[in-house]
């Protein structure tokens, strides 16, 4: 799939939260200064063209929803972070959070349990 712009990512994240939405509802869910309707409409159409969003037609208006699972989208981001910042090492990623006290011993034990359950 084609990479997304920051604005496309923002809109897709909102659609994951809302599940289904009209452009007006997407705009309402956006933080801060609201962009023009036509701007968001263009972004959503670009997401559709790239295969990230699907449409339900209601006469002359459209309701949009994600065409891919949320896990697929966020997994792509995680792969990029691991690749760009941790030399493709998931161990380095976890180690980073452990060293910076972002993960407790209990968190690490939970992760180990999840790994054991997958085997």
N, C-alpha and C. Protein backbone atom coordinates (compact mmCIF):
# COMPACT_ATOMS: atom_id res chain seq x y z
N UNK A 1 0.84 -1.19 0.00
CA UNK A 1 0.00 0.00 0.00
C UNK A 1 0.88 1.25 0.00
N UNK A 2 0.35 2.27 -0.61
CA UNK A 2 1.09 3.53 -0.68
C UNK A 2 1.25 4.15 0.71
N UNK A 3 2.36 4.84 0.94
CA UNK A 3 2.52 5.54 2.21
C UNK A 3 1.52 6.69 2.32
N UNK A 4 1.25 7.09 3.54
CA UNK A 4 0.28 8.15 3.80
C UNK A 4 0.97 9.45 4.22
N UNK A 5 0.31 10.56 3.90
CA UNK A 5 0.76 11.85 4.41
C UNK A 5 0.33 11.96 5.87
N UNK A 6 0.86 12.94 6.56
CA UNK A 6 0.46 13.15 7.97
C UNK A 6 -1.05 13.39 8.09
N UNK A 7 -1.59 14.18 7.20
CA UNK A 7 -3.02 14.49 7.26
C UNK A 7 -3.85 13.24 6.98
N UNK A 8 -3.40 12.42 6.03
CA UNK A 8 -4.10 11.16 5.75
C UNK A 8 -4.06 10.24 6.97
N UNK A 9 -2.91 10.16 7.62
CA UNK A 9 -2.80 9.34 8.83
C UNK A 9 -3.73 9.85 9.92
N UNK A 10 -3.79 11.16 10.09
CA UNK A 10 -4.66 11.75 11.10
C UNK A 10 -6.12 11.38 10.84
N UNK A 11 -6.56 11.51 9.60
CA UNK A 11 -7.94 11.19 9.26
C UNK A 11 -8.22 9.70 9.44
N UNK A 12 -7.28 8.86 9.04
CA UNK A 12 -7.49 7.42 9.20
C UNK A 12 -7.57 7.03 10.67
N UNK A 13 -6.73 7.64 11.50
CA UNK A 13 -6.80 7.38 12.95
C UNK A 13 -8.17 7.77 13.51
N UNK A 14 -8.68 8.88 13.05
CA UNK A 14 -10.02 9.31 13.48
C UNK A 14 -11.07 8.31 13.03
N UNK A 15 -10.96 7.84 11.80
CA UNK A 15 -11.92 6.85 11.31
C UNK A 15 -11.85 5.54 12.10
N UNK A 16 -10.66 5.15 12.53
CA UNK A 16 -10.56 3.96 13.38
C UNK A 16 -11.32 4.16 14.68
N UNK A 17 -11.26 5.38 15.23
CA UNK A 17 -11.98 5.67 16.48
C UNK A 17 -13.48 5.72 16.25
N UNK A 18 -13.90 6.39 15.18
CA UNK A 18 -15.32 6.57 14.92
C UNK A 18 -15.96 5.33 14.27
N UNK A 19 -15.17 4.50 13.65
CA UNK A 19 -15.58 3.30 12.92
C UNK A 19 -16.22 3.62 11.58
N UNK A 20 -17.23 4.46 11.56
CA UNK A 20 -17.85 4.93 10.32
C UNK A 20 -18.19 6.40 10.53
N UNK A 21 -17.98 7.22 9.48
CA UNK A 21 -18.26 8.64 9.66
C UNK A 21 -18.42 9.35 8.32
N UNK A 22 -19.23 10.40 8.37
CA UNK A 22 -19.35 11.32 7.27
C UNK A 22 -18.22 12.35 7.42
N UNK A 23 -17.89 13.07 6.36
CA UNK A 23 -16.81 14.06 6.42
C UNK A 23 -17.06 15.05 7.55
N UNK A 24 -18.28 15.48 7.71
CA UNK A 24 -18.62 16.45 8.77
C UNK A 24 -18.25 15.88 10.15
N UNK A 25 -18.50 14.61 10.38
CA UNK A 25 -18.18 13.98 11.67
C UNK A 25 -16.67 13.84 11.87
N UNK A 26 -15.96 13.59 10.78
CA UNK A 26 -14.49 13.53 10.86
C UNK A 26 -13.95 14.89 11.28
N UNK A 27 -14.45 15.94 10.66
CA UNK A 27 -14.01 17.30 10.98
C UNK A 27 -14.29 17.61 12.45
N UNK A 28 -15.48 17.26 12.93
CA UNK A 28 -15.83 17.51 14.33
C UNK A 28 -14.89 16.80 15.30
N UNK A 29 -14.38 15.65 14.90
CA UNK A 29 -13.49 14.86 15.77
C UNK A 29 -12.04 15.34 15.73
N UNK A 30 -11.73 16.24 14.82
CA UNK A 30 -10.36 16.72 14.69
C UNK A 30 -10.06 17.75 15.78
N UNK A 31 -8.87 17.64 16.39
CA UNK A 31 -8.51 18.61 17.43
C UNK A 31 -8.10 19.95 16.83
N UNK A 32 -8.21 20.99 17.63
CA UNK A 32 -7.74 22.31 17.21
C UNK A 32 -8.57 22.94 16.13
N UNK A 33 -7.91 23.80 15.36
CA UNK A 33 -8.57 24.52 14.27
C UNK A 33 -9.06 23.52 13.22
N UNK A 34 -10.30 23.66 12.84
CA UNK A 34 -10.93 22.72 11.90
C UNK A 34 -10.59 23.10 10.46
N UNK A 35 -10.14 22.11 9.67
CA UNK A 35 -9.88 22.38 8.25
C UNK A 35 -11.18 22.53 7.47
N UNK A 36 -11.06 23.01 6.26
CA UNK A 36 -12.22 23.18 5.39
C UNK A 36 -12.79 21.81 5.02
N UNK A 37 -14.10 21.78 4.81
CA UNK A 37 -14.79 20.55 4.42
C UNK A 37 -14.14 19.94 3.17
N UNK A 38 -13.85 20.79 2.17
CA UNK A 38 -13.29 20.29 0.92
C UNK A 38 -11.90 19.66 1.14
N UNK A 39 -11.15 20.20 2.07
CA UNK A 39 -9.82 19.65 2.37
C UNK A 39 -9.95 18.23 2.91
N UNK A 40 -10.82 18.04 3.89
CA UNK A 40 -11.00 16.72 4.50
C UNK A 40 -11.62 15.76 3.49
N UNK A 41 -12.53 16.25 2.69
CA UNK A 41 -13.15 15.41 1.65
C UNK A 41 -12.09 14.91 0.67
N UNK A 42 -11.17 15.76 0.29
CA UNK A 42 -10.08 15.36 -0.61
C UNK A 42 -9.18 14.33 0.05
N UNK A 43 -8.86 14.53 1.33
CA UNK A 43 -8.02 13.58 2.06
C UNK A 43 -8.69 12.21 2.12
N UNK A 44 -9.97 12.19 2.39
CA UNK A 44 -10.70 10.91 2.48
C UNK A 44 -10.73 10.22 1.12
N UNK A 45 -10.94 10.97 0.07
CA UNK A 45 -10.93 10.38 -1.28
C UNK A 45 -9.55 9.81 -1.61
N UNK A 46 -8.49 10.51 -1.19
CA UNK A 46 -7.13 9.99 -1.40
C UNK A 46 -6.93 8.68 -0.64
N UNK A 47 -7.45 8.62 0.59
CA UNK A 47 -7.36 7.38 1.38
C UNK A 47 -8.12 6.25 0.69
N UNK A 48 -9.25 6.58 0.08
CA UNK A 48 -10.02 5.57 -0.66
C UNK A 48 -9.22 5.09 -1.86
N UNK A 49 -8.63 6.02 -2.60
CA UNK A 49 -7.85 5.66 -3.78
C UNK A 49 -6.64 4.80 -3.42
N UNK A 50 -6.09 5.00 -2.23
CA UNK A 50 -4.93 4.23 -1.78
C UNK A 50 -5.32 2.90 -1.14
N UNK A 51 -6.65 2.68 -0.96
CA UNK A 51 -7.12 1.41 -0.44
C UNK A 51 -7.26 1.32 1.06
N UNK A 52 -7.16 2.45 1.75
CA UNK A 52 -7.25 2.45 3.20
C UNK A 52 -8.68 2.66 3.71
N UNK A 53 -9.53 3.22 2.86
CA UNK A 53 -10.89 3.60 3.26
C UNK A 53 -11.88 3.08 2.22
N UNK A 54 -13.05 2.67 2.71
CA UNK A 54 -14.15 2.26 1.84
C UNK A 54 -15.33 3.20 2.06
N UNK A 55 -16.33 3.10 1.18
CA UNK A 55 -17.45 4.04 1.18
C UNK A 55 -18.77 3.31 1.21
N UNK A 56 -19.71 3.90 1.96
CA UNK A 56 -21.13 3.53 1.88
C UNK A 56 -21.84 4.73 1.26
N UNK A 57 -22.60 4.50 0.21
CA UNK A 57 -23.31 5.59 -0.45
C UNK A 57 -24.68 5.80 0.17
N UNK A 58 -25.01 7.05 0.40
CA UNK A 58 -26.33 7.46 0.87
C UNK A 58 -26.80 8.58 -0.06
N UNK A 59 -27.24 8.19 -1.23
CA UNK A 59 -27.63 9.19 -2.23
C UNK A 59 -26.41 9.95 -2.69
N UNK A 60 -26.44 11.26 -2.50
CA UNK A 60 -25.32 12.09 -2.96
C UNK A 60 -24.24 12.26 -1.89
N UNK A 61 -24.41 11.66 -0.73
CA UNK A 61 -23.42 11.77 0.32
C UNK A 61 -22.81 10.40 0.61
N UNK A 62 -21.67 10.40 1.26
CA UNK A 62 -20.94 9.16 1.50
C UNK A 62 -20.53 9.06 2.97
N UNK A 63 -20.59 7.85 3.46
CA UNK A 63 -20.07 7.57 4.79
C UNK A 63 -18.84 6.70 4.60
N UNK A 64 -17.78 7.03 5.31
CA UNK A 64 -16.50 6.37 5.13
C UNK A 64 -16.17 5.48 6.32
N UNK A 65 -15.41 4.43 6.06
CA UNK A 65 -14.96 3.53 7.12
C UNK A 65 -13.64 2.89 6.70
N UNK A 66 -12.82 2.48 7.67
CA UNK A 66 -11.53 1.87 7.33
C UNK A 66 -11.72 0.59 6.53
N UNK A 67 -10.91 0.42 5.51
CA UNK A 67 -10.97 -0.78 4.67
C UNK A 67 -9.92 -1.80 5.08
N UNK A 68 -9.10 -1.43 6.05
CA UNK A 68 -8.07 -2.34 6.55
C UNK A 68 -8.23 -2.46 8.06
N UNK A 69 -7.79 -3.56 8.64
CA UNK A 69 -7.86 -3.68 10.10
C UNK A 69 -6.89 -2.69 10.77
N UNK A 70 -7.30 -2.20 11.91
CA UNK A 70 -6.48 -1.26 12.66
C UNK A 70 -5.09 -1.84 12.95
N UNK A 71 -5.05 -3.12 13.27
CA UNK A 71 -3.78 -3.78 13.60
C UNK A 71 -2.82 -3.73 12.42
N UNK A 72 -3.34 -3.86 11.21
CA UNK A 72 -2.49 -3.81 10.01
C UNK A 72 -1.87 -2.43 9.88
N UNK A 73 -2.67 -1.39 10.10
CA UNK A 73 -2.18 -0.03 9.97
C UNK A 73 -1.15 0.29 11.05
N UNK A 74 -1.48 0.01 12.30
CA UNK A 74 -0.55 0.34 13.39
C UNK A 74 0.67 -0.58 13.38
N UNK A 75 0.51 -1.79 12.89
CA UNK A 75 1.65 -2.69 12.77
C UNK A 75 2.69 -2.15 11.81
N UNK A 76 2.22 -1.50 10.75
CA UNK A 76 3.11 -0.88 9.76
C UNK A 76 3.93 0.22 10.44
N UNK A 77 3.29 1.01 11.28
CA UNK A 77 3.99 2.08 12.00
C UNK A 77 5.04 1.50 12.93
N UNK A 78 4.67 0.46 13.64
CA UNK A 78 5.60 -0.15 14.58
C UNK A 78 6.80 -0.73 13.83
N UNK A 79 6.56 -1.37 12.70
CA UNK A 79 7.67 -1.91 11.91
C UNK A 79 8.63 -0.80 11.49
N UNK A 80 8.06 0.34 11.09
CA UNK A 80 8.89 1.48 10.68
C UNK A 80 9.71 2.00 11.84
N UNK A 81 9.11 2.11 13.02
CA UNK A 81 9.84 2.59 14.20
C UNK A 81 10.96 1.63 14.56
N UNK A 82 10.66 0.34 14.59
CA UNK A 82 11.68 -0.66 14.93
C UNK A 82 12.81 -0.61 13.90
N UNK A 83 12.46 -0.48 12.65
CA UNK A 83 13.47 -0.43 11.59
C UNK A 83 14.31 0.84 11.67
N UNK A 84 13.64 2.00 11.78
CA UNK A 84 14.34 3.28 11.72
C UNK A 84 15.13 3.61 12.98
N UNK A 85 14.63 3.21 14.15
CA UNK A 85 15.24 3.65 15.40
C UNK A 85 15.92 2.55 16.20
N UNK A 86 15.62 1.29 15.89
CA UNK A 86 16.15 0.20 16.71
C UNK A 86 16.83 -0.88 15.87
N UNK A 87 17.32 -0.50 14.68
CA UNK A 87 18.06 -1.42 13.81
C UNK A 87 17.36 -2.76 13.61
N UNK A 88 16.06 -2.71 13.40
CA UNK A 88 15.24 -3.91 13.17
C UNK A 88 15.26 -4.90 14.34
N UNK A 89 15.52 -4.40 15.54
CA UNK A 89 15.60 -5.26 16.72
C UNK A 89 14.46 -4.96 17.70
N UNK A 90 13.53 -5.91 17.81
CA UNK A 90 12.46 -5.76 18.79
C UNK A 90 13.03 -5.80 20.21
N UNK A 91 14.09 -6.56 20.38
CA UNK A 91 14.76 -6.62 21.68
C UNK A 91 15.27 -5.23 22.07
N UNK A 92 15.86 -4.51 21.14
CA UNK A 92 16.34 -3.16 21.42
C UNK A 92 15.18 -2.23 21.78
N UNK A 93 14.05 -2.40 21.13
CA UNK A 93 12.86 -1.59 21.44
C UNK A 93 12.41 -1.82 22.88
N UNK A 94 12.24 -3.08 23.25
CA UNK A 94 11.80 -3.41 24.61
C UNK A 94 12.84 -2.95 25.62
N UNK A 95 14.11 -3.15 25.30
CA UNK A 95 15.19 -2.74 26.18
C UNK A 95 15.16 -1.23 26.42
N UNK A 96 14.88 -0.48 25.38
CA UNK A 96 14.78 0.97 25.50
C UNK A 96 13.73 1.37 26.54
N UNK A 97 12.55 0.75 26.44
CA UNK A 97 11.49 1.08 27.38
C UNK A 97 11.80 0.61 28.79
N UNK A 98 12.46 -0.52 28.91
CA UNK A 98 12.84 -1.02 30.23
C UNK A 98 13.87 -0.10 30.87
N UNK A 99 14.87 0.32 30.11
CA UNK A 99 15.93 1.19 30.63
C UNK A 99 15.39 2.56 31.04
N UNK A 100 14.39 3.03 30.33
CA UNK A 100 13.82 4.35 30.63
C UNK A 100 12.64 4.27 31.59
N UNK A 101 12.52 3.12 32.23
CA UNK A 101 11.49 2.90 33.26
C UNK A 101 10.07 3.13 32.76
N UNK A 102 9.87 2.85 31.49
CA UNK A 102 8.53 2.93 30.91
C UNK A 102 7.82 1.59 31.02
N UNK A 103 8.59 0.53 31.32
CA UNK A 103 8.04 -0.81 31.50
C UNK A 103 8.44 -1.30 32.89
N UNK A 104 7.47 -1.76 33.62
CA UNK A 104 7.76 -2.32 34.94
C UNK A 104 8.11 -3.80 34.82
N UNK A 105 8.58 -4.38 35.88
CA UNK A 105 8.85 -5.82 35.91
C UNK A 105 7.56 -6.58 35.59
N UNK A 106 6.46 -6.10 36.14
CA UNK A 106 5.16 -6.75 35.88
C UNK A 106 4.81 -6.69 34.40
N UNK A 107 5.06 -5.54 33.75
CA UNK A 107 4.82 -5.42 32.31
C UNK A 107 5.66 -6.43 31.54
N UNK A 108 6.93 -6.53 31.89
CA UNK A 108 7.82 -7.47 31.21
C UNK A 108 7.37 -8.91 31.43
N UNK A 109 6.91 -9.23 32.63
CA UNK A 109 6.42 -10.58 32.90
C UNK A 109 5.16 -10.87 32.08
N UNK A 110 4.31 -9.87 31.93
CA UNK A 110 3.12 -10.03 31.09
C UNK A 110 3.51 -10.29 29.63
N UNK A 111 4.52 -9.58 29.16
CA UNK A 111 5.00 -9.79 27.79
C UNK A 111 5.54 -11.21 27.64
N UNK A 112 6.30 -11.67 28.61
CA UNK A 112 6.82 -13.04 28.56
C UNK A 112 5.69 -14.06 28.54
N UNK A 113 4.64 -13.81 29.32
CA UNK A 113 3.49 -14.71 29.31
C UNK A 113 2.83 -14.75 27.93
N UNK A 114 2.70 -13.59 27.31
CA UNK A 114 2.12 -13.54 25.97
C UNK A 114 2.96 -14.33 24.98
N UNK A 115 4.26 -14.21 25.09
CA UNK A 115 5.16 -14.96 24.20
C UNK A 115 4.99 -16.45 24.44
N UNK A 116 4.93 -16.86 25.69
CA UNK A 116 4.76 -18.27 26.01
C UNK A 116 3.44 -18.81 25.46
N UNK A 117 2.38 -18.02 25.51
CA UNK A 117 1.07 -18.43 25.02
C UNK A 117 1.05 -18.61 23.51
N UNK A 118 1.90 -17.88 22.80
CA UNK A 118 1.96 -17.98 21.34
C UNK A 118 2.70 -19.22 20.88
N UNK A 119 3.53 -19.76 21.74
CA UNK A 119 4.35 -20.92 21.33
C UNK A 119 3.58 -22.20 21.38
